[in-house]
């Protein structure tokens, strides 16, 4: 096949919201003689999946190496087209003639570059929406030196000229104007073509707005478009724009609604511009540069101390080798989370854990990104995560008993933040892949199910001696509920005890009791409440030879005579947490268990306090946070697409 005439370069970082619309608009273009090249800088949403399904080529660059010029050069290096169209991933051409109108001026050899019109969208800040109109008018322009301007959100260049002068990879922005300036100073022209029009959807936080104008002002200083003596003029220009914004909002009858946003936009733009001009240098620190270019903020519920919790925005650190970034879908609310909030969890009293911490250890999600040395997971894979994370080297870990590891971490409990957040970062070895078609609400119950399975595994010898045993489950909460259903899978005779009739109603297929009067009739008893009075009654009143599994936490301190245990030949086994083996077993059987009663009480992440209140009240059998409840399904990859790493 002959090479395409045009190569369209699309730079991406977490652009899954707008990228499908851009590709749809490209599919409608009248000029179809083009290829699309996506240059991605470490996206951890669905961007890569979309790109690999729809782009002709995907080029991946290391995030710490990113500059606008470098990413463009990386894409153009693999481009086959005679003309290079450059378009932002968060844009959408307004009509099918966009591409042809953008390229047409370049067929005249005196023209080096063409840039098109941009108009705002619903998500645009009001001031920026008006700035688009001020900058991009309806009249075509032929720009010559010294009138230097261009904009790579919507532009096209000739590849033969790019081969003579590549985009400057050292600039923090305005690589487009630097390139245009180079050729304009050689007598060539830059064309503004308003019929090559697209919507430009900026959906930035206020810190992002400031950082963008800081970058651009810094670059303008470097390429000598502005100097420090221009700062008063910049202030005056923004004051005039502010007045125009307010007048326009008044005429549109939205002044009251938009006034705050208008002032804030002008403030952030002005401050960013002035600091950028005055700074005059580019940070050598890759973390600082990363913050300038990329929005890596995410939501997290942070507990800073007893009764001190709030929803905050944090910034994701870069992944280290062996780590996995997981986008949380569902997070179960556990009594442990509330104990952390109240400061009553024993780990805090002992000093093994400390604040601040993001709680949550019962989570499901999808792989958003992987670090180096992780080659057996891909983006979009549904996963669950082990809570108790041992060192992997000590005797306890080698016996698959991480609770005995002196340096262990516990997700959302001890030394590692948990799932009350948009994202968690965990080592690969604690991540378990799930079947693609699994219900992620159900999957969030893998952790408590693994706790049940560990307890039953440790209690296995007691079961083996009682092939026709009668089983009593004390407590119809999450652990008791899952224990009853797990035992029933093997055909065991199960009776569930709970004083709460509503909880018992969630198990209509089981025999139930609301008091412990008949507890002496059972051979095997699973105590799943953690209530000290209930435990004392079970230990005293259970029948001779009873086997008792303790799964509930915490138990209070009580005086107790072990004569009733020894004299009546009773067996007691305690169990806490789970291991890798238990998670694997939980994944195997979770689909066979009806978990519907446990997945009915759902709360968005921002309503975490309501979820805690509902959980405390006992009104809901189980509460869950819907953090990112509907992750997109993985699209099939097209075999003919290319993926390149740089």
Foldseek 3Di string as FASTA:
>chain_A
DDAFQEEEEEEDAQLVVQQVQALVLLVLAPRVRYFYEYEYAFHQACVVLVCLARGQAYEYEHNLQDAPQVSVVSRLVPHDHQKYWFAYSQKHWPHNHLVVLQCVVVVPVLAFKEFEQEAEDPLDQLLVRVVSPVVHDQDKDKDAPPPFDHDRNTMMGGVVLCVVPGQDSVANDPSVRVSRNVVSVVVGIYMYGHNSYMYHYDNDDLVLLLLVLLRVLLRCLVSVVDALVCLVVLLVVLVVSLVVSLVVCVVVVNNVVNVVSSVSNSVSNSVSNNCSRVVNDDDPDSVVSSVSPDDQWWWFWKQAQAQRIDIDIDGDDDDAAQKWKWFWFKFWDDVLLNCRNRVNDPCVVVVQAHDTAGATQLTKTFTRGHHHPDDPHDGGFIKHFAFKAAPCPDPCNVVQNSVPHPPIAGERRGDAHHDLMRIGMDGPVGIDTAPQPDQRLLSSLLFLQLQLVVLCVVCVVLCVVPVQWEEEEEDLFSNSVSNVQVVVVVVHQYEYEDLDVVSVVVVVVHHYYDDCPCQQVGQEYEYAALEQVVVVCNLQPHHQNHEYEYSHDDHDDDDDDCCSCVVRVYHYHYGYGHGPVSSVVSSVCSVVGPCVLARDAEAASNVVVVQVVCVVVVVGSIYMYRDPNDRDRRDDRDPSRYYHYD
